[in-house]
Structures are given as structure tokens and as C-alpha cells.
Amino acid sequence: MASYHAAAARRRRATGPAPSLTGPASDVHPVLRRTTAPPAALDLLAQARAGLDESAVLETPNERYATAHLAALRTAAAVLAARGRPEPSTRRRAKIRSAWEVLPEIAPELAEWSALFAAGARRRARAEAGIQGAASRRDADDLIRDVAMFLRLVERMLVLQPVLPQPRQDTDRPEPDDHDRGRDMPDAG
């Protein structure tokens, strides 16, 4: 596997960037640049990352599972903080809904993740209550992996947005002077 990656890297170095049809050779791959996300969303992502790191070092499966699930919940809350819209106020109070119910409405691309974590909410409640065997070591390990992937996806979605690079100005060529310009023009006289 390592030799495959090394060979691919040598090919990339040898060929260089692909020529552009509209100008000088340039990299056409999107470049990830930071955009402004609400501070509350960034704070929730940081808390989720810390919770995920903590869950990886905890001893008991119940604690690991509950802490990882909480990290997923904070990740979902970051999406809601960034994209959510307050519900119109009505005279009677609306039914309180979980983040897993609201997330697919705000970010439909995360509906499957929402369903996955909603399915684990009861197990998290049992694990937090200290019920013996609520989560196995395998359950906790699987959830930690899932939450790590979900967190990376949301971080990219909220914090990093692809931006196409601007064409480079070719500064290596000197500007033609009047003498050089005269060669390309037919004699007037």
C-alpha cells in the first residue's frame, strides 16, 4: 500500500499541474478556506471535539458510549446554531423536539446521521443511568468511530467551504517594451 502511494506521489511530481485552456497552468482543485461560522457553532464544535477525545480514554463502556453520544449531540447542535431558524411563535407552546428530529429539517443531507444517533439515545440514557451492560465495549467503539466521522463532516460543512483558486497572473514574463512591440507590427512606411 505504501509503495502505491509513493508511486502516485512521484507521478504527480513528474507531470505537474494540468495545462489550462484559458491561461497559464494552475491547480484547478478547490482550496478549502475558512469562512465565518457563528461563534456559538464553533464553540459547540470545540466542545464536541473535546468530548470525543475524552470518550476515547474513558474506561467503562457505559461512560465511553454516553460521552461519545453527547459529542454527537453537540455536533448536531452546532449545525442547528449555524443554520437553524427560530420557529414562528404561536399562542400555545409547541411540542419540544429533540435535535435529532429537527436536524433533518435544517440539514437534510444529515438525515441518516440523525436517524443513527436518534436510535442510540435510549442506550445513552441507560448508560448515563448506570445500568449494567447498557453499552458494550464494541457499542462504545463503534459509536466513537461514527461520531468522529460525523464531527469531521460537520466541521467541513460549517467551517471549511471550498473556494476555487483564482487564475494566477503570469509574473515571470517581462512586459514587452516598445521595441519588442514594433517587431510584431507591420511597417507603416
Protein backbone atom coordinates (compact mmCIF):
# COMPACT_ATOMS: atom_id res chain seq x y z
CA MET A 1 0.00 0.00 0.00
CA ALA A 2 2.82 2.40 0.87
CA SER A 3 4.53 1.74 -2.47
CA TYR A 4 1.29 2.60 -4.29
CA HIS A 5 1.12 5.99 -2.56
CA ALA A 6 4.81 6.67 -3.20
CA ALA A 7 4.41 5.84 -6.91
CA ALA A 8 1.36 8.11 -7.15
CA ALA A 9 3.29 10.94 -5.49
CA ARG A 10 6.17 10.51 -7.98
CA ARG A 11 3.71 10.64 -10.90
CA ARG A 12 2.13 13.83 -9.54
CA ARG A 13 5.55 15.46 -9.13
CA ALA A 14 6.67 14.39 -12.57
CA THR A 15 3.67 15.62 -14.50
CA GLY A 16 2.97 18.89 -12.67
CA PRO A 17 -0.33 20.72 -12.90
CA ALA A 18 -2.55 20.20 -15.89
CA PRO A 19 -2.39 22.89 -18.55
CA SER A 20 -5.25 25.35 -18.56
CA LEU A 21 -7.15 26.10 -21.74
CA THR A 22 -7.73 29.71 -20.72
CA GLY A 23 -4.36 30.73 -19.37
CA PRO A 24 -1.26 29.55 -17.57
CA ALA A 25 -1.13 26.20 -15.83
CA SER A 26 -2.86 26.29 -12.46
CA ASP A 27 -4.27 23.96 -9.87
CA VAL A 28 -7.97 23.52 -10.54
CA HIS A 29 -8.80 21.67 -7.33
CA PRO A 30 -10.88 23.58 -4.79
CA VAL A 31 -8.93 25.06 -1.93
CA LEU A 32 -10.52 24.91 1.49
CA ARG A 33 -10.66 28.30 3.16
CA ARG A 34 -12.19 29.29 6.46
CA THR A 35 -15.46 31.12 6.38
CA THR A 36 -17.28 32.77 9.18
CA ALA A 37 -19.43 30.44 11.23
CA PRO A 38 -21.33 31.75 14.24
CA PRO A 39 -19.23 31.72 17.42
CA ALA A 40 -21.82 29.53 19.15
CA ALA A 41 -21.45 26.88 16.43
CA LEU A 42 -17.66 26.97 16.65
CA ASP A 43 -17.83 26.66 20.44
CA LEU A 44 -20.14 23.65 20.17
CA LEU A 45 -17.79 22.01 17.67
CA ALA A 46 -14.88 22.54 20.07
CA GLN A 47 -16.90 21.03 22.93
CA ALA A 48 -17.84 18.08 20.72
CA ARG A 49 -14.19 17.51 19.78
CA ALA A 50 -13.17 17.61 23.46
CA GLY A 51 -15.97 15.20 24.39
CA LEU A 52 -14.96 12.81 21.64
CA ASP A 53 -11.34 12.89 22.80
CA GLU A 54 -12.48 12.27 26.38
CA SER A 55 -14.68 9.33 25.35
CA ALA A 56 -11.70 7.63 23.73
CA VAL A 57 -9.76 7.47 27.02
CA LEU A 58 -12.57 6.57 29.43
CA GLU A 59 -12.51 3.10 30.96
CA THR A 60 -16.08 1.81 31.18
CA PRO A 61 -18.15 1.19 28.06
CA ASN A 62 -21.17 2.99 29.54
CA GLU A 63 -19.15 6.18 30.15
CA ARG A 64 -17.49 5.97 26.74
CA TYR A 65 -20.82 5.49 24.98
CA ALA A 66 -22.62 8.28 26.84
CA THR A 67 -19.76 10.76 26.36
CA ALA A 68 -19.45 9.98 22.65
CA HIS A 69 -23.22 10.32 22.16
CA LEU A 70 -23.11 13.69 23.90
CA ALA A 71 -20.35 14.75 21.48
CA ALA A 72 -22.65 13.79 18.59
CA LEU A 73 -25.45 15.82 20.15
CA ARG A 74 -23.18 18.87 20.47
CA THR A 75 -22.16 18.43 16.84
CA ALA A 76 -25.82 18.44 15.80
CA ALA A 77 -26.40 21.50 17.98
CA ALA A 78 -23.59 23.28 16.09
CA VAL A 79 -25.44 22.69 12.82
CA LEU A 80 -28.66 23.98 14.37
CA ALA A 81 -26.82 27.04 15.73
CA ALA A 82 -25.38 27.79 12.30
CA ARG A 83 -28.39 27.04 10.12
CA GLY A 84 -31.40 26.97 12.41
CA ARG A 85 -34.24 29.42 12.21
CA PRO A 86 -36.45 30.17 15.18
CA GLU A 87 -39.89 28.69 14.86
CA PRO A 88 -42.64 31.26 14.49
CA SER A 89 -44.15 31.97 17.87
CA THR A 90 -47.71 30.83 18.39
CA ARG A 91 -50.00 31.33 21.33
CA ARG A 92 -49.74 27.76 22.51
CA ARG A 93 -46.41 26.14 23.19
CA ALA A 94 -45.11 23.80 20.56
CA LYS A 95 -44.07 20.29 21.44
CA ILE A 96 -40.42 20.10 22.43
CA ARG A 97 -38.48 18.13 19.85
CA SER A 98 -35.05 16.58 20.07
CA ALA A 99 -32.14 17.80 17.97
CA TRP A 100 -32.34 14.51 16.07
CA GLU A 101 -35.90 15.36 14.98
CA VAL A 102 -35.06 18.92 13.93
CA LEU A 103 -31.70 18.24 12.24
CA PRO A 104 -33.12 16.60 9.06
CA GLU A 105 -35.33 19.66 8.50
CA ILE A 106 -32.42 22.07 8.82
CA ALA A 107 -29.77 19.92 7.09
CA PRO A 108 -31.44 17.17 5.00
CA GLU A 109 -28.00 15.86 3.99
CA LEU A 110 -27.53 14.74 7.61
CA ALA A 111 -30.82 12.82 7.90
CA GLU A 112 -29.15 9.39 8.02
CA TRP A 113 -26.75 10.53 10.72
CA SER A 114 -29.69 11.92 12.66
CA ALA A 115 -31.50 8.58 12.45
CA LEU A 116 -28.37 6.71 13.56
CA PHE A 117 -27.84 8.85 16.65
CA ALA A 118 -31.54 9.04 17.49
CA ALA A 119 -31.56 5.24 17.61
CA GLY A 120 -28.81 5.34 20.24
CA ALA A 121 -30.50 7.91 22.51
CA ARG A 122 -32.21 5.29 24.70
CA ARG A 123 -28.96 3.38 25.11
CA ARG A 124 -27.23 6.63 26.11
CA ALA A 125 -29.92 7.29 28.74
CA ARG A 126 -29.48 3.79 30.12
CA ALA A 127 -25.69 4.16 30.11
CA GLU A 128 -25.90 7.51 31.92
CA ALA A 129 -28.23 5.94 34.50
CA GLY A 130 -25.50 3.39 35.21
CA ILE A 131 -27.49 0.34 34.12
CA GLN A 132 -25.02 -2.52 33.92
CA GLY A 133 -24.40 -3.66 30.32
CA ALA A 134 -26.32 -0.78 28.71
CA ALA A 135 -23.45 -0.43 26.23
CA SER A 136 -20.81 -3.00 25.38
CA ARG A 137 -17.21 -2.18 24.58
CA ARG A 138 -17.99 -2.80 20.90
CA ASP A 139 -21.02 -0.47 21.04
CA ALA A 140 -18.85 2.29 22.50
CA ASP A 141 -16.05 1.75 19.97
CA ASP A 142 -18.48 1.81 17.04
CA LEU A 143 -20.17 4.94 18.32
CA ILE A 144 -16.84 6.73 18.84
CA ARG A 145 -15.89 5.98 15.22
CA ASP A 146 -19.28 7.15 13.95
CA VAL A 147 -19.16 10.35 15.98
CA ALA A 148 -15.62 11.09 14.76
CA MET A 149 -16.78 10.79 11.15
CA PHE A 150 -19.92 12.86 11.81
CA LEU A 151 -17.88 15.57 13.54
CA ARG A 152 -15.37 15.78 10.67
CA LEU A 153 -18.21 16.01 8.16
CA VAL A 154 -19.95 18.81 10.07
CA GLU A 155 -16.67 20.68 10.62
CA ARG A 156 -16.07 20.68 6.88
CA MET A 157 -19.66 21.61 6.19
CA LEU A 158 -19.77 24.55 8.60
CA VAL A 159 -16.23 25.82 8.91
CA LEU A 160 -14.47 24.97 5.67
CA GLN A 161 -16.03 25.87 2.35
CA PRO A 162 -14.38 25.01 -0.99
CA VAL A 163 -13.30 28.03 -2.98
CA LEU A 164 -11.90 27.73 -6.49
CA PRO A 165 -8.49 29.36 -6.85
CA GLN A 166 -8.23 32.50 -8.94
CA PRO A 167 -6.13 32.29 -12.12
CA ARG A 168 -2.52 33.19 -11.47
CA GLN A 169 -1.08 36.27 -13.04
CA ASP A 170 1.95 35.29 -15.09
CA THR A 171 4.60 37.49 -13.47
CA ASP A 172 7.58 35.54 -14.78
CA ARG A 173 7.36 37.05 -18.27
CA PRO A 174 8.64 40.60 -18.63
CA GLU A 175 6.34 43.17 -20.16
CA PRO A 176 7.23 43.74 -23.82
CA ASP A 177 8.83 47.10 -24.39
CA ASP A 178 8.13 49.40 -27.33
CA HIS A 179 10.99 47.89 -29.33
CA ASP A 180 9.54 44.34 -28.97
CA ARG A 181 6.06 45.55 -29.90
CA GLY A 182 7.38 47.09 -33.08
CA ARG A 183 8.55 43.72 -34.37
CA ASP A 184 5.06 42.31 -34.40
CA MET A 185 3.59 45.27 -36.24
CA PRO A 186 3.92 45.75 -39.98
CA ASP A 187 5.93 48.70 -41.14
CA ALA A 188 3.81 51.75 -41.69
CA GLY A 189 6.01 53.26 -44.17
